[in-house]
């Protein structure tokens, strides 16, 4: 179990960071705009709660059901998604598997890294949308930014809704590591 904990450490930290922001969401904020132009806060929450479950389903070869995770207890829904994802990615042999996704073939490790970056960055999006500080886990943001520079190609970038990432932007100084990561992934900071 100790090695599983080390293997999923970044994912665990990303979930913890985003959960801290999610705990601040009030029902009146669910219709607020987010840095992801096509999503309001409700859609953003549904995406990142669902993406933890989706990642788990992809590595385990199971089905992932769509649900309105923002309709009930946000933290309970998120905690359940976090538990499912951490258990799946911590399972023996999962990280070495090759997984077919609609946009390519990836190792379990690569998919876990995608889910980690997605969880953390959407925590940043949520913080920005609800007026919370965006200076999230600086050490994790620095690690994820270094990984993103290696993983994200120019061919992955384009307009929202047509590409996985937007064009990199320059964050306004002084930019925290989380702001720098968000800018690299196409957010305006």
Protein backbone atom coordinates (compact mmCIF):
# COMPACT_ATOMS: atom_id res chain seq x y z
CA UNK A 1 0.00 0.00 0.00
CA UNK A 2 2.91 2.36 0.67
CA UNK A 3 4.10 2.20 -2.96
CA UNK A 4 0.53 2.92 -4.17
CA UNK A 5 0.50 5.99 -1.96
CA UNK A 6 3.77 7.23 -3.48
CA UNK A 7 2.62 6.45 -7.03
CA UNK A 8 -0.62 8.40 -6.65
CA UNK A 9 0.83 11.20 -4.51
CA UNK A 10 0.42 13.97 -7.11
CA UNK A 11 -3.13 12.86 -7.89
CA UNK A 12 -3.96 12.79 -4.18
CA UNK A 13 -2.54 16.32 -3.75
CA UNK A 14 -4.45 17.61 -6.80
CA UNK A 15 -7.70 16.24 -5.39
CA UNK A 16 -6.95 17.78 -1.98
CA UNK A 17 -6.19 21.19 -3.50
CA UNK A 18 -9.37 21.25 -5.57
CA UNK A 19 -11.47 19.95 -2.68
CA UNK A 20 -10.35 22.94 -0.59
CA UNK A 21 -11.69 25.28 -3.28
CA UNK A 22 -14.85 23.23 -3.81
CA UNK A 23 -15.65 23.57 -0.10
CA UNK A 24 -16.04 27.33 -0.66
CA UNK A 25 -18.67 27.08 -3.42
CA UNK A 26 -22.09 28.44 -2.51
CA UNK A 27 -25.29 27.47 -4.35
CA UNK A 28 -25.65 31.05 -5.62
CA UNK A 29 -22.32 30.66 -7.48
CA UNK A 30 -23.26 27.65 -9.60
CA UNK A 31 -24.29 29.81 -12.56
CA UNK A 32 -21.16 32.02 -12.42
CA UNK A 33 -18.83 32.19 -15.40
CA UNK A 34 -15.48 30.37 -15.32
CA UNK A 35 -12.20 30.78 -17.22
CA UNK A 36 -13.45 27.87 -19.36
CA UNK A 37 -15.69 29.99 -21.57
CA UNK A 38 -18.21 27.29 -22.42
CA UNK A 39 -18.72 26.21 -18.78
CA UNK A 40 -20.34 27.86 -15.81
CA UNK A 41 -19.40 26.72 -12.28
CA UNK A 42 -22.01 23.93 -12.36
CA UNK A 43 -20.66 22.51 -15.64
CA UNK A 44 -17.07 22.85 -14.42
CA UNK A 45 -17.86 20.91 -11.23
CA UNK A 46 -19.66 18.24 -13.23
CA UNK A 47 -16.63 17.96 -15.50
CA UNK A 48 -13.96 17.56 -12.85
CA UNK A 49 -16.01 15.31 -10.58
CA UNK A 50 -16.86 13.20 -13.61
CA UNK A 51 -13.30 13.18 -14.98
CA UNK A 52 -11.97 11.44 -11.87
CA UNK A 53 -14.54 8.71 -12.41
CA UNK A 54 -13.88 8.67 -16.16
CA UNK A 55 -10.14 8.14 -15.60
CA UNK A 56 -10.87 5.27 -13.24
CA UNK A 57 -13.27 3.72 -15.75
CA UNK A 58 -10.71 4.00 -18.55
CA UNK A 59 -7.96 2.19 -16.65
CA UNK A 60 -10.30 -0.46 -15.27
CA UNK A 61 -12.23 -0.99 -18.51
CA UNK A 62 -15.59 -0.21 -16.92
CA UNK A 63 -18.39 2.20 -17.75
CA UNK A 64 -18.54 5.73 -16.38
CA UNK A 65 -22.02 7.16 -15.89
CA UNK A 66 -22.85 10.82 -16.50
CA UNK A 67 -24.59 12.46 -13.58
CA UNK A 68 -25.31 15.95 -12.29
CA UNK A 69 -22.72 15.99 -9.50
CA UNK A 70 -23.47 19.64 -8.72
CA UNK A 71 -27.09 18.86 -7.84
CA UNK A 72 -26.46 17.42 -4.40
CA UNK A 73 -23.73 17.41 -1.80
CA UNK A 74 -20.73 18.70 -3.76
CA UNK A 75 -18.13 17.47 -1.30
CA UNK A 76 -19.67 14.00 -0.95
CA UNK A 77 -19.76 13.62 -4.75
CA UNK A 78 -16.17 14.81 -5.04
CA UNK A 79 -14.95 12.60 -2.19
CA UNK A 80 -16.53 9.58 -3.85
CA UNK A 81 -14.95 10.43 -7.21
CA UNK A 82 -11.59 10.95 -5.51
CA UNK A 83 -11.86 7.58 -3.73
CA UNK A 84 -12.75 5.77 -6.96
CA UNK A 85 -9.92 7.39 -8.94
CA UNK A 86 -7.24 6.86 -6.30
CA UNK A 87 -8.25 3.22 -5.87
CA UNK A 88 -8.21 2.62 -9.63
CA UNK A 89 -4.87 4.30 -10.29
CA UNK A 90 -3.39 2.63 -7.20
CA UNK A 91 -4.38 -0.85 -8.43
CA UNK A 92 -1.61 -3.26 -9.34
CA UNK A 93 -0.56 -3.14 -12.98
CA UNK A 94 -2.79 -0.23 -13.95
CA UNK A 95 -0.01 2.26 -14.61
CA UNK A 96 1.73 -0.10 -17.03
CA UNK A 97 -1.40 -0.76 -19.09
CA UNK A 98 -1.92 0.75 -22.52
CA UNK A 99 -5.27 2.48 -22.74
CA UNK A 100 -7.11 3.37 -25.94
CA UNK A 101 -8.80 6.75 -25.69
CA UNK A 102 -10.71 8.58 -28.44
CA UNK A 103 -7.68 10.86 -28.88
CA UNK A 104 -4.84 8.31 -28.76
CA UNK A 105 -3.10 5.50 -26.90
CA UNK A 106 -1.70 6.22 -23.47
CA UNK A 107 -0.10 4.38 -20.60
CA UNK A 108 -1.92 4.25 -17.29
CA UNK A 109 0.75 6.59 -15.94
CA UNK A 110 0.10 9.10 -18.73
CA UNK A 111 -3.64 8.95 -18.08
CA UNK A 112 -3.11 9.43 -14.34
CA UNK A 113 -0.95 12.47 -15.12
CA UNK A 114 -3.71 13.88 -17.35
CA UNK A 115 -6.33 13.38 -14.63
CA UNK A 116 -3.99 14.96 -12.07
CA UNK A 117 -3.38 18.04 -14.23
CA UNK A 118 -7.11 18.25 -15.03
CA UNK A 119 -8.12 18.09 -11.35
CA UNK A 120 -5.58 20.69 -10.26
CA UNK A 121 -6.16 23.11 -13.12
CA UNK A 122 -9.93 22.97 -12.81
CA UNK A 123 -9.47 23.71 -9.10
CA UNK A 124 -7.68 26.87 -10.26
CA UNK A 125 -10.56 27.62 -12.67
CA UNK A 126 -13.06 27.18 -9.84
CA UNK A 127 -11.08 29.41 -7.48
CA UNK A 128 -10.94 32.11 -10.13
CA UNK A 129 -14.67 31.80 -10.85
CA UNK A 130 -15.78 32.13 -7.22
CA UNK A 131 -13.28 34.80 -6.21
CA UNK A 132 -10.99 32.61 -4.10
CA UNK A 133 -7.18 32.84 -4.10
CA UNK A 134 -5.59 30.99 -7.03
CA UNK A 135 -2.23 30.44 -5.34
CA UNK A 136 -2.88 26.73 -4.89
CA UNK A 137 -0.29 24.11 -3.79
CA UNK A 138 2.82 25.83 -5.18
CA UNK A 139 5.04 22.77 -5.11
CA UNK A 140 2.50 20.67 -6.99
CA UNK A 141 1.85 23.47 -9.48
CA UNK A 142 5.60 23.71 -10.17
CA UNK A 143 5.80 19.93 -10.73
CA UNK A 144 2.74 19.93 -13.00
CA UNK A 145 4.05 22.89 -15.01
CA UNK A 146 7.36 21.09 -15.64
CA UNK A 147 5.44 17.98 -16.75
CA UNK A 148 3.11 20.05 -18.94
CA UNK A 149 6.08 21.56 -20.78
CA UNK A 150 7.13 18.01 -21.69
CA UNK A 151 3.66 16.59 -22.41
CA UNK A 152 1.77 19.33 -24.24
CA UNK A 153 2.55 19.87 -27.89
CA UNK A 154 1.56 22.78 -30.11
CA UNK A 155 -0.74 20.34 -31.94
CA UNK A 156 -2.72 19.97 -28.68
CA UNK A 157 -3.57 23.69 -28.72
CA UNK A 158 -6.35 25.60 -30.41
CA UNK A 159 -9.71 27.27 -29.83
CA UNK A 160 -11.82 26.11 -26.89
CA UNK A 161 -14.07 23.24 -27.84
CA UNK A 162 -11.79 22.22 -30.72
CA UNK A 163 -8.53 21.49 -28.91
CA UNK A 164 -7.55 20.09 -25.54
CA UNK A 165 -5.62 23.25 -24.59
CA UNK A 166 -5.80 26.87 -25.60
CA UNK A 167 -2.78 28.83 -26.74
CA UNK A 168 -0.35 29.55 -23.90
CA UNK A 169 -0.72 33.02 -22.42
CA UNK A 170 1.51 35.17 -20.22
CA UNK A 171 0.33 35.53 -16.63
CA UNK A 172 0.29 38.96 -15.02
CA UNK A 173 3.15 39.41 -12.56
CA UNK A 174 3.56 38.41 -9.86
CA UNK A 175 2.28 35.04 -10.97
CA UNK A 176 2.13 32.10 -8.59
CA UNK A 177 3.17 28.68 -9.92
CA UNK A 178 -0.54 27.78 -10.21
CA UNK A 179 -1.16 30.95 -12.25
CA UNK A 180 1.83 30.07 -14.46
CA UNK A 181 0.43 26.58 -15.05
CA UNK A 182 -3.01 27.97 -15.86
CA UNK A 183 -1.48 30.42 -18.35
CA UNK A 184 0.57 27.69 -19.99
CA UNK A 185 -2.64 25.67 -20.39
CA UNK A 186 -4.35 28.62 -22.09
CA UNK A 187 -6.05 30.54 -19.30
CA UNK A 188 -5.89 34.32 -19.12
CA UNK A 189 -4.43 35.27 -15.76
